[in-house]
Amino acid sequence: MAEASSSRHEELEALVAAYCDEPSELLLKDIVEAAAGLIGHFVSPFSYSPCREDLMQAGYEGLLKALRRFKPERKVRFSTYASYYIKGEITRELQRGSSYDLPPWLADIQRRVYRVTEELTQSFQREPTLGEIAEAVNIKEEGVVQVMLAGTVPLEELDLNSIKSLRYESFRLPIEDRLLLREALSKLSEIQQKVIYLIFYHDLTQTTVAELLGTNQRRVSRLLKKSLEQLAVELQG
């Protein structure tokens, strides 16, 4: 598999070099075909999304943009140069394709999944498996799928209950508890909501939250305690 991928990349480099010397429609067609794997590599983290074909098309647009601007004399591999354009167009398409607004907690998780996916891809030099992504972000595999789908389908069509932690982490609430918290947050005061949001949704320390809110850690601690007590009442009621 690795040898086939390497061979395809070398073929792409040779085709681009030939095209730069003497452009032709035939060579352009061959370049597009040879780059399918490269584009698919960047689209693969979103393979569960119904807009996958749109992302592939965006990737090809990035490829053509890179081809128009590529300068062989810079001694940079075309696949490396084109990757930035391909990823850029895919990112823009994702932003355009987010037809449904996401609650802040889900948008935060989605950004983390995408960031970790890209980091794993760079580290492994291959696309990570769903299990590897799930392990890295501490979310069950079925939950990762729902996170990737978020924004492309109505919120009510997502199985939010599947977005759960794989394991407990000290000082962090499991994701399923965060989902319950958001239902009760509206009952708290504005300052209480900010404390809960910054600590449990952004994983900030009480000291950092105090600095952001222009107060001291002791007051944040009191606000947090009172907020959790109120939330407990709301969640039990």
Foldseek 3Di string as FASTA:
>chain_A
DVVVLVVLLVVLQVLLVVCVVPNDPVSVVVNLVSCQVLLCQLLVLLVLAPCSVVLSVLLVVLLVVLSVVDDVVVVDRSSVSSSVSSNVSSVVVLVVQLQEDDPPLLVLLLVVLSVVQVVVCVVVVGGDDLVVSCVVSQWDSLLSSLSSHHSNDYPVVGPNCRGWGNDDDPQEDIVNVVVLLVVCLVVDDPLLSQLCCCCHRVVDDLQVSCVVVVHHSVVSVVSPVVSVVSSVVVSVD
